[in-house]
Amino acid sequence: MKNKNLSFMTQAAMIAAIYVVLTYIFAPFSFGEVQVRISEALTILPIFTPAAIPGLFVGCLIGNILGGAILPDIVFGSIATLIGAFFTWKLREQKPVVATFPPIISNIIIVPFVLRYGYGVTLPIPFMMLTVGVGEVISAGVIGLILYEALYKYK
């Protein structure tokens, strides 16, 4: 039992660290009205391990802090990733493409409101939903599915 807990915590910590590094390295693309957060590709990982749920949440939280995000973005952006990761895990028995929907949808719904009311971006919310959605489809959908295919072989 002790080894199982240690393995869970180690996996979560590694996923969090990778998320932070990817967010930081690709910071110019990770924030703003038009964003493709490459680290969101990791939201496919709950298909393989439930440790990805807290790992992604903590990684997003730290990535947002290091990226200079404001408090509402740190909190609600991280919650969007947590919701996406949790529901990806719940859909792990479905086709992998279906499991990419939760992070895409949660970010489409939450992030534009953070941009509007947190950062004061005056673009229309539906437009920001579109731009955030396109970025999430690229990162969580396309790159996430490429990551899934690479990892599935080594289950």
C-alpha atoms as a PDB file:
ATOM      1  CA  MET A   1       0.000   0.000   0.000  1.00  0.00           C
ATOM      2  CA  LYS A   2       2.815   2.378   0.891  1.00  0.00           C
ATOM      3  CA  ASN A   3       4.520   1.811  -2.483  1.00  0.00           C
ATOM      4  CA  LYS A   4       1.238   2.469  -4.295  1.00  0.00           C
ATOM      5  CA  ASN A   5       0.863   5.843  -2.557  1.00  0.00           C
ATOM      6  CA  LEU A   6       4.477   6.701  -3.284  1.00  0.00           C
ATOM      7  CA  SER A   7       4.020   5.774  -6.931  1.00  0.00           C
ATOM      8  CA  PHE A   8       0.866   7.915  -7.149  1.00  0.00           C
ATOM      9  CA  MET A   9       2.574  10.929  -5.596  1.00  0.00           C
ATOM     10  CA  THR A  10       5.668  10.477  -7.765  1.00  0.00           C
ATOM     11  CA  GLN A  11       3.580  10.309 -10.946  1.00  0.00           C
ATOM     12  CA  ALA A  12       1.563  13.365  -9.903  1.00  0.00           C
ATOM     13  CA  ALA A  13       4.732  15.324  -9.105  1.00  0.00           C
ATOM     14  CA  MET A  14       6.377  14.389 -12.406  1.00  0.00           C
ATOM     15  CA  ILE A  15       3.279  15.388 -14.385  1.00  0.00           C
ATOM     16  CA  ALA A  16       3.078  18.680 -12.470  1.00  0.00           C
ATOM     17  CA  ALA A  17       6.756  19.382 -13.172  1.00  0.00           C
ATOM     18  CA  ILE A  18       6.409  18.630 -16.887  1.00  0.00           C
ATOM     19  CA  TYR A  19       3.305  20.842 -17.082  1.00  0.00           C
ATOM     20  CA  VAL A  20       5.170  23.727 -15.411  1.00  0.00           C
ATOM     21  CA  VAL A  21       8.213  23.362 -17.666  1.00  0.00           C
ATOM     22  CA  LEU A  22       6.110  23.252 -20.839  1.00  0.00           C
ATOM     23  CA  THR A  23       4.050  26.259 -19.733  1.00  0.00           C
ATOM     24  CA  TYR A  24       7.181  28.222 -18.896  1.00  0.00           C
ATOM     25  CA  ILE A  25       9.118  27.269 -22.031  1.00  0.00           C
ATOM     26  CA  PHE A  26       6.178  28.110 -24.283  1.00  0.00           C
ATOM     27  CA  ALA A  27       5.049  31.137 -22.207  1.00  0.00           C
ATOM     28  CA  PRO A  28       4.592  33.419 -25.252  1.00  0.00           C
ATOM     29  CA  PHE A  29       1.887  31.014 -26.490  1.00  0.00           C
ATOM     30  CA  SER A  30       0.536  29.948 -23.080  1.00  0.00           C
ATOM     31  CA  PHE A  31      -1.239  33.131 -22.016  1.00  0.00           C
ATOM     32  CA  GLY A  32      -3.575  35.718 -23.493  1.00  0.00           C
ATOM     33  CA  GLU A  33      -6.692  35.962 -25.648  1.00  0.00           C
ATOM     34  CA  VAL A  34      -5.164  33.727 -28.294  1.00  0.00           C
ATOM     35  CA  GLN A  35      -3.297  30.929 -26.606  1.00  0.00           C
ATOM     36  CA  VAL A  36      -2.067  27.475 -27.450  1.00  0.00           C
ATOM     37  CA  ARG A  37      -0.884  26.124 -24.118  1.00  0.00           C
ATOM     38  CA  ILE A  38       1.230  23.159 -25.205  1.00  0.00           C
ATOM     39  CA  SER A  39       1.184  21.830 -21.628  1.00  0.00           C
ATOM     40  CA  GLU A  40      -2.564  21.230 -21.995  1.00  0.00           C
ATOM     41  CA  ALA A  41      -1.666  18.253 -24.199  1.00  0.00           C
ATOM     42  CA  LEU A  42      -0.924  16.516 -20.890  1.00  0.00           C
ATOM     43  CA  THR A  43      -4.643  16.562 -20.063  1.00  0.00           C
ATOM     44  CA  ILE A  44      -4.808  13.250 -21.943  1.00  0.00           C
ATOM     45  CA  LEU A  45      -2.786  11.593 -19.153  1.00  0.00           C
ATOM     46  CA  PRO A  46      -5.742  10.814 -16.827  1.00  0.00           C
ATOM     47  CA  ILE A  47      -6.589   8.066 -19.342  1.00  0.00           C
ATOM     48  CA  PHE A  48      -3.441   6.315 -18.111  1.00  0.00           C
ATOM     49  CA  THR A  49      -3.311   7.269 -14.429  1.00  0.00           C
ATOM     50  CA  PRO A  50      -5.566   9.072 -11.947  1.00  0.00           C
ATOM     51  CA  ALA A  51      -2.373  10.667 -10.543  1.00  0.00           C
ATOM     52  CA  ALA A  52      -2.556  12.994 -13.536  1.00  0.00           C
ATOM     53  CA  ILE A  53      -5.578  14.754 -12.009  1.00  0.00           C
ATOM     54  CA  PRO A  54      -3.763  16.370  -9.063  1.00  0.00           C
ATOM     55  CA  GLY A  55      -0.573  16.571 -11.122  1.00  0.00           C
ATOM     56  CA  LEU A  56      -2.215  18.657 -13.826  1.00  0.00           C
ATOM     57  CA  PHE A  57      -3.973  20.862 -11.278  1.00  0.00           C
ATOM     58  CA  VAL A  58      -0.801  21.595  -9.333  1.00  0.00           C
ATOM     59  CA  GLY A  59       1.195  22.007 -12.546  1.00  0.00           C
ATOM     60  CA  CYS A  60      -1.302  24.518 -13.911  1.00  0.00           C
ATOM     61  CA  LEU A  61      -1.388  26.360 -10.588  1.00  0.00           C
ATOM     62  CA  ILE A  62       2.412  26.690 -10.442  1.00  0.00           C
ATOM     63  CA  GLY A  63       2.659  27.423 -14.173  1.00  0.00           C
ATOM     64  CA  ASN A  64       0.165  30.262 -13.839  1.00  0.00           C
ATOM     65  CA  ILE A  65       1.997  31.681 -10.818  1.00  0.00           C
ATOM     66  CA  LEU A  66       5.398  31.542 -12.551  1.00  0.00           C
ATOM     67  CA  GLY A  67       3.847  32.952 -15.725  1.00  0.00           C
ATOM     68  CA  GLY A  68       2.778  36.070 -13.849  1.00  0.00           C
ATOM     69  CA  ALA A  69      -0.938  35.406 -13.980  1.00  0.00           C
ATOM     70  CA  ILE A  70      -3.294  37.342 -11.723  1.00  0.00           C
ATOM     71  CA  LEU A  71      -5.069  35.605  -8.837  1.00  0.00           C
ATOM     72  CA  PRO A  72      -8.381  34.929 -10.659  1.00  0.00           C
ATOM     73  CA  ASP A  73      -6.420  33.310 -13.505  1.00  0.00           C
ATOM     74  CA  ILE A  74      -4.320  31.272 -11.089  1.00  0.00           C
ATOM     75  CA  VAL A  75      -7.436  29.999  -9.327  1.00  0.00           C
ATOM     76  CA  PHE A  76      -9.995  29.632 -12.115  1.00  0.00           C
ATOM     77  CA  GLY A  77      -7.555  28.645 -14.864  1.00  0.00           C
ATOM     78  CA  SER A  78      -6.265  25.868 -12.625  1.00  0.00           C
ATOM     79  CA  ILE A  79      -9.820  24.805 -11.788  1.00  0.00           C
ATOM     80  CA  ALA A  80     -10.572  24.599 -15.534  1.00  0.00           C
ATOM     81  CA  THR A  81      -7.633  22.202 -15.917  1.00  0.00           C
ATOM     82  CA  LEU A  82      -8.727  20.228 -12.834  1.00  0.00           C
ATOM     83  CA  ILE A  83     -12.269  19.848 -14.188  1.00  0.00           C
ATOM     84  CA  GLY A  84     -10.928  18.828 -17.589  1.00  0.00           C
ATOM     85  CA  ALA A  85      -8.534  16.277 -16.078  1.00  0.00           C
ATOM     86  CA  PHE A  86     -11.194  14.767 -13.803  1.00  0.00           C
ATOM     87  CA  PHE A  87     -13.703  14.284 -16.595  1.00  0.00           C
ATOM     88  CA  THR A  88     -11.018  12.961 -18.935  1.00  0.00           C
ATOM     89  CA  TRP A  89     -10.388  10.293 -16.286  1.00  0.00           C
ATOM     90  CA  LYS A  90     -14.138   9.589 -16.077  1.00  0.00           C
ATOM     91  CA  LEU A  91     -14.213   9.115 -19.871  1.00  0.00           C
ATOM     92  CA  ARG A  92     -11.074   6.926 -19.980  1.00  0.00           C
ATOM     93  CA  GLU A  93     -13.047   3.933 -21.249  1.00  0.00           C
ATOM     94  CA  GLN A  94     -14.336   5.898 -24.247  1.00  0.00           C
ATOM     95  CA  LYS A  95     -12.467   6.562 -27.459  1.00  0.00           C
ATOM     96  CA  PRO A  96      -9.455   8.804 -26.758  1.00  0.00           C
ATOM     97  CA  VAL A  97     -10.865  11.632 -28.874  1.00  0.00           C
ATOM     98  CA  VAL A  98     -13.911  11.791 -26.577  1.00  0.00           C
ATOM     99  CA  ALA A  99     -11.620  12.050 -23.552  1.00  0.00           C
ATOM    100  CA  THR A 100     -10.131  15.249 -24.991  1.00  0.00           C
ATOM    101  CA  PHE A 101     -13.479  17.044 -24.829  1.00  0.00           C
ATOM    102  CA  PRO A 102     -13.562  17.900 -21.078  1.00  0.00           C
ATOM    103  CA  PRO A 103     -10.423  20.083 -20.979  1.00  0.00           C
ATOM    104  CA  ILE A 104     -11.438  21.769 -24.206  1.00  0.00           C
ATOM    105  CA  ILE A 105     -14.954  22.514 -22.948  1.00  0.00           C
ATOM    106  CA  SER A 106     -13.935  23.580 -19.427  1.00  0.00           C
ATOM    107  CA  ASN A 107     -11.377  26.039 -20.797  1.00  0.00           C
ATOM    108  CA  ILE A 108     -13.806  27.381 -23.405  1.00  0.00           C
ATOM    109  CA  ILE A 109     -16.309  28.111 -20.646  1.00  0.00           C
ATOM    110  CA  ILE A 110     -14.006  29.434 -17.896  1.00  0.00           C
ATOM    111  CA  VAL A 111     -10.989  31.163 -19.476  1.00  0.00           C
ATOM    112  CA  PRO A 112     -12.852  33.844 -21.503  1.00  0.00           C
ATOM    113  CA  PHE A 113     -14.535  35.066 -18.318  1.00  0.00           C
ATOM    114  CA  VAL A 114     -11.142  35.254 -16.589  1.00  0.00           C
ATOM    115  CA  LEU A 115      -9.822  37.235 -19.538  1.00  0.00           C
ATOM    116  CA  ARG A 116     -12.808  39.623 -19.430  1.00  0.00           C
ATOM    117  CA  TYR A 117     -13.288  40.143 -15.706  1.00  0.00           C
ATOM    118  CA  GLY A 118      -9.765  39.448 -14.491  1.00  0.00           C
ATOM    119  CA  TYR A 119      -7.660  41.082 -17.182  1.00  0.00           C
ATOM    120  CA  GLY A 120     -10.247  43.495 -18.567  1.00  0.00           C
ATOM    121  CA  VAL A 121      -9.986  42.211 -22.143  1.00  0.00           C
ATOM    122  CA  THR A 122     -12.770  43.932 -24.086  1.00  0.00           C
ATOM    123  CA  LEU A 123     -13.109  41.412 -26.900  1.00  0.00           C
ATOM    124  CA  PRO A 124     -16.537  39.757 -27.053  1.00  0.00           C
ATOM    125  CA  ILE A 125     -16.736  36.669 -24.852  1.00  0.00           C
ATOM    126  CA  PRO A 126     -17.995  34.469 -27.726  1.00  0.00           C
ATOM    127  CA  PHE A 127     -14.936  35.509 -29.757  1.00  0.00           C
ATOM    128  CA  MET A 128     -12.619  34.652 -26.849  1.00  0.00           C
ATOM    129  CA  MET A 129     -14.432  31.324 -26.474  1.00  0.00           C
ATOM    130  CA  LEU A 130     -13.576  30.678 -30.098  1.00  0.00           C
ATOM    131  CA  THR A 131      -9.914  31.667 -29.768  1.00  0.00           C
ATOM    132  CA  VAL A 132      -9.398  29.769 -26.513  1.00  0.00           C
ATOM    133  CA  GLY A 133     -11.289  26.818 -28.002  1.00  0.00           C
ATOM    134  CA  VAL A 134      -9.101  26.701 -31.097  1.00  0.00           C
ATOM    135  CA  GLY A 135      -5.999  26.763 -28.898  1.00  0.00           C
ATOM    136  CA  GLU A 136      -7.362  23.969 -26.715  1.00  0.00           C
ATOM    137  CA  VAL A 137      -8.302  21.864 -29.733  1.00  0.00           C
ATOM    138  CA  ILE A 138      -4.731  22.216 -30.979  1.00  0.00           C
ATOM    139  CA  SER A 139      -3.094  21.481 -27.620  1.00  0.00           C
ATOM    140  CA  ALA A 140      -5.461  19.126 -25.763  1.00  0.00           C
ATOM    141  CA  GLY A 141      -7.032  17.651 -28.888  1.00  0.00           C
ATOM    142  CA  VAL A 142      -4.405  17.300 -31.587  1.00  0.00           C
ATOM    143  CA  ILE A 143      -1.164  17.276 -29.591  1.00  0.00           C
ATOM    144  CA  GLY A 144      -2.873  15.379 -26.760  1.00  0.00           C
ATOM    145  CA  LEU A 145      -3.937  12.607 -29.145  1.00  0.00           C
ATOM    146  CA  ILE A 146      -0.411  12.428 -30.586  1.00  0.00           C
ATOM    147  CA  LEU A 147       0.861  12.032 -27.011  1.00  0.00           C
ATOM    148  CA  TYR A 148      -1.787   9.369 -26.378  1.00  0.00           C
ATOM    149  CA  GLU A 149      -0.659   7.364 -29.408  1.00  0.00           C
ATOM    150  CA  ALA A 150       2.976   7.600 -28.315  1.00  0.00           C
ATOM    151  CA  LEU A 151       2.196   6.489 -24.746  1.00  0.00           C
ATOM    152  CA  TYR A 152      -0.425   3.839 -25.560  1.00  0.00           C
ATOM    153  CA  LYS A 153       2.239   1.603 -27.095  1.00  0.00           C
ATOM    154  CA  TYR A 154       4.066   1.522 -23.738  1.00  0.00           C
ATOM    155  CA  LYS A 155       1.063   1.088 -21.445  1.00  0.00           C
END
